[in-house]
Amino acid sequence: MSSESDNFNMVPQLKGIVLFVILVVSPLQATYPPLDCPEVCSCHYFRTNWVTECSSKGLTAVPQGLSQSVYILDLSRNKINGQNNSLRFSEGVKVRRLHLADNKIAEVAKETFVGLSYLLEVDLSGNSISKFDREAFLESPGLISLELRRNPFTGPEGGKSFVVSRSLKTLDLSDCRIRQLTAGFFDDATSVSEVDLSGNPLESIDPEALVPLAGLEKLKMNRCRLSSVTPNLLHGSQHLKHVEAAWNPKLFAGSHEPTLPELLKGLIRLDHLDLRGTGLTNVPSESFKDTIELANLMLSDNDLSASSETIVPALSILQNMHELDLEGCRFKFPSLSFLANMTKIRILRLGRNDISETLTTPSVEFGLMDFDRSFSHLKKMKRLSLDHCEINRLPNAKGLSQLSEVLVELDVSDNPIVATCKGENCSPEGEVDKVSLEALSESIRTLKVLEILDMSRCNITQLAPDTFKKSFQLRRLVLSGNPLTRKKDGERVPGIESGLFSPAHRLEILELADCGFTEPPSPDAMPESERDEEYSLETDRKKKKERMEDDEDTILDTQDDEAGPSLRELVLAGNPMLIDGPLPPYVSSLEKLDLSRCGLKKIPSNAFVWAVNLTQLSLSGNLLGSITKSIEVFPTPIATHGKSEDGTNDKKPEAVKGTSNTSIVQVIHVADKAHNPDLSFLSWLHKLRSLDLRRCGLTSLTYSSIANLSLESLRLAGNPWACSCNLVALWEWASKSGKDILLHRPPPVIGAPVVADPSIEEEHGLRCTARDGTRMPWSRFILSTHQLHDCGPPPAKLVALASLMHQEPEKVDMVSAVSREIGSPSSWSVVIGCSVGLLFLIVLIAAGLVIHNKRRNFKLVSPAPQGNALLLDEESMGHAATVRWASRPYRETTHS
């Protein structure tokens, strides 16, 4: 009977649970009716909000057909200029978030956003705004966020306020052209709590500028060229929690500048301070007496060598520290005792400071030096950087015991970690100190959850076989620059000891550049497929869950728990290797392989038979198109302006005259031009997306050798290209994909101008030399070739694709507009007219070239034997020129 009553009593409870589930789950599974959406846009629901995406559509005005209930409207990357009602919205639109970044808006007037009374966020970054009306958002009483970064805005005139808004919280004015921050700048926006002024050439900041912002919590002034600030600039900001003023090299450089204690006075809530690269030279011991709540402190790249004694007491009072960055401060630490109270620290960067003295300084704890004890209680530290610290060992196993299950990243690069042997400590296999070698191995074995380890350039010649015995979680290992050796026939030869990396089942990135290897690492040294018997999958999942709980502490993207070995990237650059057959089978899992600077002159056709998953391959700096003939250096070419009296060419030549600011490039003759390389090894790489063939001595390349690849990036700069139809065919093949394979720029947005960046290496490196010695960019040669019909008729997209980097933005924009509207009847007349005009221009250019060639009144000769001429490239001869070929020696000048 009691059981029946219990069941009866449970019914209301079950009903309540069912009702709760229905109420919670139903809204998540509810379907909402579609709302209005412009034809050119795409729309969808995000949770319960209607989103309209119209970015990159070439729009010149707000599209018609918007729903009045649109919540998020994205109009970024279009051509809206804000004039002629192009920003006029229909009455009643309740848009909350408006994205107008990267358009052509030049002015924000008072009536620009009239009627948008529901606005919460506005993004106007990346426009051309030079005028901004302070009352532009009077009808948006709920505006919270305003972004105006990357605009040529110089600030309000006459000391007026910037914007009128009682609700504004976040204001982003970074990378504009504001030169003065006047006292009245924020007078009408007193509710702002976050301000970003980074990247503005601020000449002066009024001491009263920040006073109206009583609730200011976050202030960024990075890269502002600040040369002076008043000591009381931040004194009125009692709620300030976050301050960034990095990369202002003159901020503390002057003799009359404020001291650190003066600047930070009264900021009791400050928890983030970034003063990297500010010219700070002194950190008094009382610097942080008012900011004891600091959790993140960045002081790197300041010469603080004079504060080596005072920095220890200054930092000792900071007990809430989570991140401390002191890299490059030139400290000579007598002790690391300031770490004693930083039990909450997670990220510690001490690189490029001398901490060698702490290795021999005894600590209060018996048996531990100061260096070891300083890390023994940091139970939460996940990242530690000790590069360039003049240390000859890692913290010992006892000092690292508390970090055994915590530390995931360790950088000890550029330290003489393994000492040279002395006396009885010598290893029988080689000149290595057995004690330091075993100490290194023991320290690494202690760190059981280590994911990233950088020991590059640490003077390591050999590692104990059990060094990585416990490295089950290791994902990236850098050993570049160490002359690693292995035992072979009783001697030490370049290589890796058998079984060294076998326990590292999860190793994804292995960097072994400049290690002196003469052959690829042996398969028996690489990670094994099976799990180690001590490996616990349950433990691994637990650690993974702990790391994923805090996104900012996640070091690498983790793969599936059940996955086998996942070596995806192998760097072997700078090793003088010889490849005479297939690479080892472990390359089958690789996605990225770097074989640059390996001295390879030929790669067998079956070299990559196992590399079926390779997507990125770098072969730069290998002489795949090398010359086998000897090279002779001859004097600079000279010119004759006519024949001798007897009609021969025996007249003594005259030196070519140059202008006062020119220099003559020396000519190098070779007997034969380099042959095309054999790239048949690429036939195995069907998944290859990126191929790097820079500085490989190539003069020609047929697209058929790479046509079967799925390339998205082909890097060819720094090669001595000869102008030929092969280059034309290669360029056209690359253009057909619609991606910028050769110049490595993202495809142009429809309707947006395309502007060449002169710093792009490929643009300057992709140059070739014609038979007459003329040197030109590929695109110019391709255009001239098609104009003369030397390599067939020009393709339809040649003008739009091959010459983008030589057109002015407006011209490119016009071409894009024509191609976009090609389907309309009115556009055909424009196309026909442009075609006729282009044909007429080609005829004129061709006629001019013929006349110019006939009028040449001198020729270049040389006392050297005839042959192809080769000029060294910029990397070999400074500012001379890029490598080029010519059928005869020739003269070229470079303007200084």
Foldseek 3Di string as FASTA:
>chain_A
DVVVVVVVVCVVVVVVVVVVCCVVCVLVPDDDDDAWAAPQWDWDDDSNAIEIENDLSQDQADGPGDGLRHAHYAHDHHAHQLPPCRQPDDANRAYAEYEHAQYAHAEQDLCSPPRNQNYAEYAHEHYAHQYYDQNNCVSHQNHAYYAHEHYQHQADPPLAEGHAYAHYAYYEHAQYAHAEQHLHHCVRHQNHAEYAHANYQHPDYPLNSCLSNQNHAEYAHENRLDQADDLNSCVSNQNHAYYHHEQNQNQPQDPPHDALLSNCPNNQNHAYYHHHNHQDAEDALCNCVNDLNHAYYAHANYQPQVCLPSVLSNLLSNQNHAEYHHAHNQHQHLALCSLVNPLNYAYYADHPYAPQNQCPDCDPDPPATRQLQSQQRNLAHAEYEHANHQHQAHRFLNSCLSQQLHHAYYHHEHYQPWDFDDPPQADPADRTRVVSQVRQLRNQLSNQQHAYYAHAQNQDAAHDQCSCVRPQNHAEYHHENHQYWEDDPSHTDGAHYFNNAQQNFAHAYYEHEHNQDAAPHDPRNHHDFDHDPPDDLVVVVVSVVVQVVDVVSNDDDDDDSPDTRQHAEYEHEHHQYDADAADDLVLLRYQEYEHANNQDQAHDLHHCLNNANHAYYEHENHQVQPDPFDKDWAAFWFWALAPDPVRHNPPDTDHDDDDPQKDKFTWIFTAAQGDAGDLSNCVSHQNYAEYHHAHRQHAADACVSVLSHNYQAYEYFQHAHADDLRLLNNQVSNVVVQHPHQQPDGRDSQLFFDEDDVVRRSQQRQWAAYQAGDIDHSLVSNVLCCLVCVNHHDDPCSVLPSCSHVDDRVVNSVVSVLVVPVPDPVSVVVVVVVVVVVNVVSVVVVVVVVVVVVPDRMDIAGPDDFHKIWGDDCVVPPPDHRIYIYRGRDIDIDGD
